[in-house]
Amino acid sequence: MIPLPALAALLLSAAAPSFVVVVDPGHGGEQEGASGPAGLREKALTLQIARRVARRLERLGAQVILTRTKDETVPLAQRAALANARQADLFLSIHLNSMPGRLGAATHGVETYFLSADATDASASAVAARENADRLAGEERDPDDPVAGILESLGDAEALDESSRLAYAVQERLVAKVKAEDRGVKQAPFYVLAGARMAAVLVEVGFISNPREGRRLAQAAYQDQVAAAIADGVAAWRRDGRSAHR
């Protein structure tokens, strides 16, 4: 017979989540993010979508931590730091894309990023510049070099490889499930990803500047599809990772 203290410890261990996910709703508070037609705001939609992603991941047995649970300002550097402090297995940052003028109204689709010192292309560089603009006064890095220390993050080859695998898994499921244009997996120097010591990706789930896509992103049913696709991508990433280590 197992002693009661040992049995209790065993049950607690069995019930403990096998993986921890930090989900980051982009922007918030004074970090407005992009805006779209009809008053849509990125910081509001990312929080709605992130909550749905969290619920989906919890159904898979994950312990999920949100970097913010309301419309509040969270410094970019603190987001990955939270994931590190909680020894998370992965970090997901949720964003909405945007382009100015007529180009913004015509451009649509999804793209997923992982960290790199150099952007994949001019478009990726522009996205990173816009997201990095959320750096707050007083954050420790030079505003002219918002990803200083990025090479240190990239020194973890295993985390970088896992980030790449996760990005492709999420992108593939998003495109398949929501039938959005596939804008690809890209790399860029995102400040919010720098410093994360685990698989970390930033997902641009659509263009808020596109009237049609923006309306879809504001709909609960579509947000559920997006969340389900991201959760499916995470599940595939975990499953494939286990297979690779057998």
C-alpha atoms as a PDB file:
ATOM      1  CA  MET A   1       0.000   0.000   0.000  1.00  0.00           C
ATOM      2  CA  ILE A   2       1.272   3.470  -0.919  1.00  0.00           C
ATOM      3  CA  PRO A   3       1.448   5.843   2.088  1.00  0.00           C
ATOM      4  CA  LEU A   4      -1.068   8.696   1.868  1.00  0.00           C
ATOM      5  CA  PRO A   5       1.551  11.500   1.504  1.00  0.00           C
ATOM      6  CA  ALA A   6       3.257   9.600  -1.303  1.00  0.00           C
ATOM      7  CA  LEU A   7      -0.092   8.886  -2.969  1.00  0.00           C
ATOM      8  CA  ALA A   8      -1.067  12.559  -2.778  1.00  0.00           C
ATOM      9  CA  ALA A   9       2.246  13.580  -4.328  1.00  0.00           C
ATOM     10  CA  LEU A  10       1.774  11.005  -7.065  1.00  0.00           C
ATOM     11  CA  LEU A  11      -1.724  12.258  -7.874  1.00  0.00           C
ATOM     12  CA  LEU A  12      -0.564  15.874  -7.942  1.00  0.00           C
ATOM     13  CA  SER A  13       2.276  14.926 -10.262  1.00  0.00           C
ATOM     14  CA  ALA A  14      -0.077  13.042 -12.570  1.00  0.00           C
ATOM     15  CA  ALA A  15      -2.486  15.972 -12.655  1.00  0.00           C
ATOM     16  CA  ALA A  16       0.187  18.554 -13.359  1.00  0.00           C
ATOM     17  CA  PRO A  17       0.126  19.988 -16.905  1.00  0.00           C
ATOM     18  CA  SER A  18       2.691  18.384 -19.154  1.00  0.00           C
ATOM     19  CA  PHE A  19       3.433  21.662 -20.863  1.00  0.00           C
ATOM     20  CA  VAL A  20       3.155  25.390 -20.169  1.00  0.00           C
ATOM     21  CA  VAL A  21       2.206  27.974 -22.773  1.00  0.00           C
ATOM     22  CA  VAL A  22       2.440  31.740 -22.495  1.00  0.00           C
ATOM     23  CA  VAL A  23       0.008  33.464 -24.859  1.00  0.00           C
ATOM     24  CA  ASP A  24       0.721  37.120 -25.523  1.00  0.00           C
ATOM     25  CA  PRO A  25      -2.143  39.331 -26.769  1.00  0.00           C
ATOM     26  CA  GLY A  26      -0.259  41.970 -28.760  1.00  0.00           C
ATOM     27  CA  HIS A  27      -0.327  45.602 -27.620  1.00  0.00           C
ATOM     28  CA  GLY A  28      -2.709  46.838 -24.893  1.00  0.00           C
ATOM     29  CA  GLY A  29      -3.137  49.977 -22.825  1.00  0.00           C
ATOM     30  CA  GLU A  30      -1.199  52.858 -24.330  1.00  0.00           C
ATOM     31  CA  GLN A  31       0.184  50.456 -26.948  1.00  0.00           C
ATOM     32  CA  GLU A  32      -2.740  50.846 -29.333  1.00  0.00           C
ATOM     33  CA  GLY A  33      -1.524  48.698 -32.206  1.00  0.00           C
ATOM     34  CA  ALA A  34      -3.138  49.017 -35.619  1.00  0.00           C
ATOM     35  CA  SER A  35      -6.662  50.206 -36.305  1.00  0.00           C
ATOM     36  CA  GLY A  36      -9.073  49.358 -39.073  1.00  0.00           C
ATOM     37  CA  PRO A  37     -12.334  50.454 -40.649  1.00  0.00           C
ATOM     38  CA  ALA A  38     -15.395  50.826 -38.417  1.00  0.00           C
ATOM     39  CA  GLY A  39     -13.280  51.526 -35.353  1.00  0.00           C
ATOM     40  CA  LEU A  40     -11.651  48.102 -35.039  1.00  0.00           C
ATOM     41  CA  ARG A  41      -8.599  48.107 -32.757  1.00  0.00           C
ATOM     42  CA  GLU A  42      -5.831  45.556 -32.815  1.00  0.00           C
ATOM     43  CA  LYS A  43      -5.292  45.562 -29.058  1.00  0.00           C
ATOM     44  CA  ALA A  44      -8.931  44.603 -28.452  1.00  0.00           C
ATOM     45  CA  LEU A  45      -9.089  41.853 -31.063  1.00  0.00           C
ATOM     46  CA  THR A  46      -5.776  40.282 -30.041  1.00  0.00           C
ATOM     47  CA  LEU A  47      -7.041  39.922 -26.474  1.00  0.00           C
ATOM     48  CA  GLN A  48     -10.270  38.299 -27.674  1.00  0.00           C
ATOM     49  CA  ILE A  49      -8.388  35.862 -29.892  1.00  0.00           C
ATOM     50  CA  ALA A  50      -5.742  35.124 -27.242  1.00  0.00           C
ATOM     51  CA  ARG A  51      -8.437  34.176 -24.726  1.00  0.00           C
ATOM     52  CA  ARG A  52      -9.911  31.751 -27.236  1.00  0.00           C
ATOM     53  CA  VAL A  53      -6.471  30.294 -27.966  1.00  0.00           C
ATOM     54  CA  ALA A  54      -5.948  29.852 -24.214  1.00  0.00           C
ATOM     55  CA  ARG A  55      -9.209  27.953 -23.815  1.00  0.00           C
ATOM     56  CA  ARG A  56      -8.358  25.679 -26.741  1.00  0.00           C
ATOM     57  CA  LEU A  57      -4.912  24.912 -25.353  1.00  0.00           C
ATOM     58  CA  GLU A  58      -6.309  24.222 -21.890  1.00  0.00           C
ATOM     59  CA  ARG A  59      -8.546  21.583 -23.447  1.00  0.00           C
ATOM     60  CA  LEU A  60      -5.349  19.928 -24.674  1.00  0.00           C
ATOM     61  CA  GLY A  61      -4.065  19.795 -21.100  1.00  0.00           C
ATOM     62  CA  ALA A  62      -1.802  22.843 -21.164  1.00  0.00           C
ATOM     63  CA  GLN A  63      -1.313  25.333 -18.389  1.00  0.00           C
ATOM     64  CA  VAL A  64      -1.829  28.669 -20.129  1.00  0.00           C
ATOM     65  CA  ILE A  65      -0.655  32.060 -18.919  1.00  0.00           C
ATOM     66  CA  LEU A  66      -1.733  35.289 -20.613  1.00  0.00           C
ATOM     67  CA  THR A  67       0.702  38.203 -20.564  1.00  0.00           C
ATOM     68  CA  ARG A  68      -2.303  40.476 -20.079  1.00  0.00           C
ATOM     69  CA  THR A  69      -5.940  39.805 -19.248  1.00  0.00           C
ATOM     70  CA  LYS A  70      -7.316  43.288 -19.858  1.00  0.00           C
ATOM     71  CA  ASP A  71      -6.556  46.508 -21.720  1.00  0.00           C
ATOM     72  CA  GLU A  72      -3.317  47.314 -19.948  1.00  0.00           C
ATOM     73  CA  THR A  73       0.202  48.301 -20.914  1.00  0.00           C
ATOM     74  CA  VAL A  74       2.800  45.541 -20.651  1.00  0.00           C
ATOM     75  CA  PRO A  75       6.388  46.393 -21.650  1.00  0.00           C
ATOM     76  CA  LEU A  76       7.597  44.232 -24.513  1.00  0.00           C
ATOM     77  CA  ALA A  77      10.626  42.959 -22.621  1.00  0.00           C
ATOM     78  CA  GLN A  78       8.428  41.738 -19.755  1.00  0.00           C
ATOM     79  CA  ARG A  79       6.414  39.430 -22.009  1.00  0.00           C
ATOM     80  CA  ALA A  80       9.191  36.990 -22.884  1.00  0.00           C
ATOM     81  CA  ALA A  81      10.609  37.475 -19.382  1.00  0.00           C
ATOM     82  CA  LEU A  82       7.325  36.151 -17.979  1.00  0.00           C
ATOM     83  CA  ALA A  83       7.618  33.070 -20.181  1.00  0.00           C
ATOM     84  CA  ASN A  84      11.172  32.520 -18.970  1.00  0.00           C
ATOM     85  CA  ALA A  85      10.182  32.957 -15.332  1.00  0.00           C
ATOM     86  CA  ARG A  86       7.382  30.407 -15.665  1.00  0.00           C
ATOM     87  CA  GLN A  87       9.693  28.016 -17.557  1.00  0.00           C
ATOM     88  CA  ALA A  88       7.201  27.881 -20.403  1.00  0.00           C
ATOM     89  CA  ASP A  89       7.527  25.361 -23.200  1.00  0.00           C
ATOM     90  CA  LEU A  90       6.415  27.873 -25.788  1.00  0.00           C
ATOM     91  CA  PHE A  91       5.554  31.535 -26.274  1.00  0.00           C
ATOM     92  CA  LEU A  92       2.832  32.667 -28.702  1.00  0.00           C
ATOM     93  CA  SER A  93       2.413  36.344 -29.518  1.00  0.00           C
ATOM     94  CA  ILE A  94      -0.871  37.177 -31.290  1.00  0.00           C
ATOM     95  CA  HIS A  95      -1.082  40.190 -33.619  1.00  0.00           C
ATOM     96  CA  LEU A  96      -3.080  41.672 -36.477  1.00  0.00           C
ATOM     97  CA  ASN A  97      -1.357  42.988 -39.577  1.00  0.00           C
ATOM     98  CA  SER A  98      -1.885  46.314 -41.295  1.00  0.00           C
ATOM     99  CA  MET A  99      -0.807  48.323 -44.316  1.00  0.00           C
ATOM    100  CA  PRO A 100      -1.550  51.943 -45.155  1.00  0.00           C
ATOM    101  CA  GLY A 101      -3.914  53.366 -47.768  1.00  0.00           C
ATOM    102  CA  ARG A 102      -5.147  51.421 -50.758  1.00  0.00           C
ATOM    103  CA  LEU A 103      -2.537  48.737 -50.205  1.00  0.00           C
ATOM    104  CA  GLY A 104      -3.949  48.052 -46.757  1.00  0.00           C
ATOM    105  CA  ALA A 105      -7.467  47.731 -48.106  1.00  0.00           C
ATOM    106  CA  ALA A 106      -6.341  45.206 -50.721  1.00  0.00           C
ATOM    107  CA  THR A 107      -3.843  43.103 -48.736  1.00  0.00           C
ATOM    108  CA  HIS A 108      -4.979  40.070 -46.748  1.00  0.00           C
ATOM    109  CA  GLY A 109      -3.703  36.778 -45.385  1.00  0.00           C
ATOM    110  CA  VAL A 110      -1.791  35.236 -42.491  1.00  0.00           C
ATOM    111  CA  GLU A 111       1.910  34.983 -41.746  1.00  0.00           C
ATOM    112  CA  THR A 112       3.901  33.528 -38.871  1.00  0.00           C
ATOM    113  CA  TYR A 113       7.283  34.738 -37.664  1.00  0.00           C
ATOM    114  CA  PHE A 114      10.172  33.472 -35.620  1.00  0.00           C
ATOM    115  CA  LEU A 115      13.205  35.382 -34.451  1.00  0.00           C
ATOM    116  CA  SER A 116      16.092  36.411 -36.666  1.00  0.00           C
ATOM    117  CA  ALA A 117      18.669  39.182 -36.662  1.00  0.00           C
ATOM    118  CA  ASP A 118      17.700  39.932 -40.268  1.00  0.00           C
ATOM    119  CA  ALA A 119      14.232  40.195 -41.782  1.00  0.00           C
ATOM    120  CA  THR A 120      13.229  37.786 -44.534  1.00  0.00           C
ATOM    121  CA  ASP A 121      12.185  40.628 -46.838  1.00  0.00           C
ATOM    122  CA  ALA A 122      11.137  44.303 -46.866  1.00  0.00           C
ATOM    123  CA  SER A 123       7.610  43.427 -45.816  1.00  0.00           C
ATOM    124  CA  ALA A 124       8.824  41.435 -42.811  1.00  0.00           C
ATOM    125  CA  SER A 125      11.140  44.292 -41.872  1.00  0.00           C
ATOM    126  CA  ALA A 126       8.223  46.740 -41.959  1.00  0.00           C
ATOM    127  CA  VAL A 127       6.087  44.474 -39.768  1.00  0.00           C
ATOM    128  CA  ALA A 128       8.872  44.136 -37.203  1.00  0.00           C
ATOM    129  CA  ALA A 129       9.476  47.896 -37.193  1.00  0.00           C
ATOM    130  CA  ARG A 130       5.793  48.555 -36.525  1.00  0.00           C
ATOM    131  CA  GLU A 131       5.567  46.002 -33.710  1.00  0.00           C
ATOM    132  CA  ASN A 132       8.866  47.122 -32.174  1.00  0.00           C
ATOM    133  CA  ALA A 133       7.528  50.690 -32.003  1.00  0.00           C
ATOM    134  CA  ASP A 134       5.686  49.596 -28.840  1.00  0.00           C
ATOM    135  CA  ARG A 135       8.945  49.849 -26.927  1.00  0.00           C
ATOM    136  CA  LEU A 136       8.250  52.051 -23.924  1.00  0.00           C
ATOM    137  CA  ALA A 137      10.377  54.883 -22.612  1.00  0.00           C
ATOM    138  CA  GLY A 138      12.546  53.457 -19.865  1.00  0.00           C
ATOM    139  CA  GLU A 139      12.932  49.988 -21.332  1.00  0.00           C
ATOM    140  CA  GLU A 140      16.560  49.088 -21.161  1.00  0.00           C
ATOM    141  CA  ARG A 141      17.404  48.769 -24.820  1.00  0.00           C
ATOM    142  CA  ASP A 142      18.426  51.517 -27.204  1.00  0.00           C
ATOM    143  CA  PRO A 143      15.384  52.673 -29.241  1.00  0.00           C
ATOM    144  CA  ASP A 144      17.604  52.781 -32.318  1.00  0.00           C
ATOM    145  CA  ASP A 145      18.491  49.133 -31.727  1.00  0.00           C
ATOM    146  CA  PRO A 146      15.352  47.622 -30.151  1.00  0.00           C
ATOM    147  CA  VAL A 147      16.579  44.066 -30.490  1.00  0.00           C
ATOM    148  CA  ALA A 148      20.002  44.535 -28.980  1.00  0.00           C
ATOM    149  CA  GLY A 149      20.901  41.207 -27.460  1.00  0.00           C
ATOM    150  CA  ILE A 150      19.105  39.305 -30.220  1.00  0.00           C
ATOM    151  CA  LEU A 151      22.264  37.405 -31.126  1.00  0.00           C
ATOM    152  CA  GLU A 152      22.365  36.033 -27.597  1.00  0.00           C
ATOM    153  CA  SER A 153      18.817  34.736 -28.077  1.00  0.00           C
ATOM    154  CA  LEU A 154      19.774  33.236 -31.409  1.00  0.00           C
ATOM    155  CA  GLY A 155      22.672  31.451 -29.746  1.00  0.00           C
ATOM    156  CA  ASP A 156      20.219  28.857 -28.439  1.00  0.00           C
ATOM    157  CA  ALA A 157      20.129  26.684 -31.549  1.00  0.00           C
ATOM    158  CA  GLU A 158      17.615  24.228 -30.093  1.00  0.00           C
ATOM    159  CA  ALA A 159      15.099  26.964 -29.202  1.00  0.00           C
ATOM    160  CA  LEU A 160      15.529  28.502 -32.656  1.00  0.00           C
ATOM    161  CA  ASP A 161      14.953  25.157 -34.362  1.00  0.00           C
ATOM    162  CA  GLU A 162      11.855  24.533 -32.244  1.00  0.00           C
ATOM    163  CA  SER A 163      10.588  28.031 -33.054  1.00  0.00           C
ATOM    164  CA  SER A 164      10.943  27.329 -36.757  1.00  0.00           C
ATOM    165  CA  ARG A 165       9.085  24.028 -36.420  1.00  0.00           C
ATOM    166  CA  LEU A 166       6.318  25.677 -34.413  1.00  0.00           C
ATOM    167  CA  ALA A 167       5.966  28.528 -36.906  1.00  0.00           C
ATOM    168  CA  TYR A 168       5.489  26.148 -39.826  1.00  0.00           C
ATOM    169  CA  ALA A 169       3.030  23.975 -37.867  1.00  0.00           C
ATOM    170  CA  VAL A 170       0.880  26.964 -36.888  1.00  0.00           C
ATOM    171  CA  GLN A 171       1.003  28.573 -40.327  1.00  0.00           C
ATOM    172  CA  GLU A 172       0.008  25.364 -42.093  1.00  0.00           C
ATOM    173  CA  ARG A 173      -3.034  24.820 -39.859  1.00  0.00           C
ATOM    174  CA  LEU A 174      -4.124  28.450 -40.038  1.00  0.00           C
ATOM    175  CA  VAL A 175      -4.094  28.499 -43.832  1.00  0.00           C
ATOM    176  CA  ALA A 176      -5.928  25.188 -44.047  1.00  0.00           C
ATOM    177  CA  LYS A 177      -8.586  25.940 -41.439  1.00  0.00           C
ATOM    178  CA  VAL A 178      -9.514  29.574 -42.099  1.00  0.00           C
ATOM    179  CA  LYS A 179      -8.848  29.477 -45.859  1.00  0.00           C
ATOM    180  CA  ALA A 180      -6.763  32.639 -45.669  1.00  0.00           C
ATOM    181  CA  GLU A 181      -4.064  33.604 -48.120  1.00  0.00           C
ATOM    182  CA  ASP A 182      -0.767  31.983 -47.189  1.00  0.00           C
ATOM    183  CA  ARG A 183       1.783  34.781 -46.808  1.00  0.00           C
ATOM    184  CA  GLY A 184       4.301  32.307 -45.453  1.00  0.00           C
ATOM    185  CA  VAL A 185       6.603  31.726 -42.525  1.00  0.00           C
ATOM    186  CA  LYS A 186       9.099  34.542 -42.142  1.00  0.00           C
ATOM    187  CA  GLN A 187      11.860  35.732 -39.861  1.00  0.00           C
ATOM    188  CA  ALA A 188      12.399  39.183 -38.405  1.00  0.00           C
ATOM    189  CA  PRO A 189      14.018  40.898 -35.393  1.00  0.00           C
ATOM    190  CA  PHE A 190      10.968  41.184 -33.128  1.00  0.00           C
ATOM    191  CA  TYR A 191      11.694  42.786 -29.779  1.00  0.00           C
ATOM    192  CA  VAL A 192       8.892  40.819 -28.099  1.00  0.00           C
ATOM    193  CA  LEU A 193      10.520  37.499 -29.084  1.00  0.00           C
ATOM    194  CA  ALA A 194      14.074  38.480 -28.145  1.00  0.00           C
ATOM    195  CA  GLY A 195      15.169  36.833 -24.926  1.00  0.00           C
ATOM    196  CA  ALA A 196      12.652  33.982 -24.981  1.00  0.00           C
ATOM    197  CA  ARG A 197      14.436  30.779 -24.008  1.00  0.00           C
ATOM    198  CA  MET A 198      11.898  28.456 -25.596  1.00  0.00           C
ATOM    199  CA  ALA A 199      10.038  27.982 -28.862  1.00  0.00           C
ATOM    200  CA  ALA A 200       8.611  31.435 -29.617  1.00  0.00           C
ATOM    201  CA  VAL A 201       6.575  32.716 -32.556  1.00  0.00           C
ATOM    202  CA  LEU A 202       4.595  35.787 -33.490  1.00  0.00           C
ATOM    203  CA  VAL A 203       1.421  35.161 -35.500  1.00  0.00           C
ATOM    204  CA  GLU A 204      -0.154  37.857 -37.694  1.00  0.00           C
ATOM    205  CA  VAL A 205      -3.623  36.320 -37.984  1.00  0.00           C
ATOM    206  CA  GLY A 206      -4.954  38.726 -40.621  1.00  0.00           C
ATOM    207  CA  PHE A 207      -5.065  42.308 -41.832  1.00  0.00           C
ATOM    208  CA  ILE A 208      -7.169  44.658 -39.748  1.00  0.00           C
ATOM    209  CA  SER A 209      -6.677  47.270 -42.494  1.00  0.00           C
ATOM    210  CA  ASN A 210      -8.574  45.091 -44.972  1.00  0.00           C
ATOM    211  CA  PRO A 211     -12.317  45.841 -44.561  1.00  0.00           C
ATOM    212  CA  ARG A 212     -13.463  42.304 -45.324  1.00  0.00           C
ATOM    213  CA  GLU A 213     -10.791  40.509 -43.320  1.00  0.00           C
ATOM    214  CA  GLY A 214     -11.153  42.977 -40.470  1.00  0.00           C
ATOM    215  CA  ARG A 215     -14.874  42.224 -40.199  1.00  0.00           C
ATOM    216  CA  ARG A 216     -14.140  38.509 -40.115  1.00  0.00           C
ATOM    217  CA  LEU A 217     -11.508  38.949 -37.399  1.00  0.00           C
ATOM    218  CA  ALA A 218     -14.071  40.736 -35.230  1.00  0.00           C
ATOM    219  CA  GLN A 219     -16.546  37.832 -35.456  1.00  0.00           C
ATOM    220  CA  ALA A 220     -16.601  35.292 -32.619  1.00  0.00           C
ATOM    221  CA  ALA A 221     -17.043  32.337 -34.976  1.00  0.00           C
ATOM    222  CA  TYR A 222     -14.006  33.304 -37.049  1.00  0.00           C
ATOM    223  CA  GLN A 223     -11.941  33.967 -33.929  1.00  0.00           C
ATOM    224  CA  ASP A 224     -12.818  30.440 -32.807  1.00  0.00           C
ATOM    225  CA  GLN A 225     -11.554  29.063 -36.121  1.00  0.00           C
ATOM    226  CA  VAL A 226      -8.309  31.000 -35.757  1.00  0.00           C
ATOM    227  CA  ALA A 227      -7.876  29.796 -32.173  1.00  0.00           C
ATOM    228  CA  ALA A 228      -8.598  26.193 -33.130  1.00  0.00           C
ATOM    229  CA  ALA A 229      -6.051  26.348 -35.937  1.00  0.00           C
ATOM    230  CA  ILE A 230      -3.338  27.755 -33.666  1.00  0.00           C
ATOM    231  CA  ALA A 231      -4.062  25.110 -31.028  1.00  0.00           C
ATOM    232  CA  ASP A 232      -3.933  22.409 -33.716  1.00  0.00           C
ATOM    233  CA  GLY A 233      -0.550  23.750 -34.780  1.00  0.00           C
ATOM    234  CA  VAL A 234       0.733  23.570 -31.216  1.00  0.00           C
ATOM    235  CA  ALA A 235      -0.571  20.015 -30.864  1.00  0.00           C
ATOM    236  CA  ALA A 236       1.151  18.988 -34.107  1.00  0.00           C
ATOM    237  CA  TRP A 237       4.394  20.632 -32.969  1.00  0.00           C
ATOM    238  CA  ARG A 238       4.320  18.685 -29.707  1.00  0.00           C
ATOM    239  CA  ARG A 239       3.398  15.423 -31.398  1.00  0.00           C
ATOM    240  CA  ASP A 240       6.114  15.723 -34.040  1.00  0.00           C
ATOM    241  CA  GLY A 241       8.651  16.681 -31.402  1.00  0.00           C
ATOM    242  CA  ARG A 242       7.877  13.584 -29.390  1.00  0.00           C
ATOM    243  CA  SER A 243       8.203  11.395 -32.474  1.00  0.00           C
ATOM    244  CA  ALA A 244      11.566  12.925 -33.349  1.00  0.00           C
ATOM    245  CA  HIS A 245      12.949  12.081 -29.885  1.00  0.00           C
ATOM    246  CA  ARG A 246      11.839   8.441 -29.842  1.00  0.00           C
END
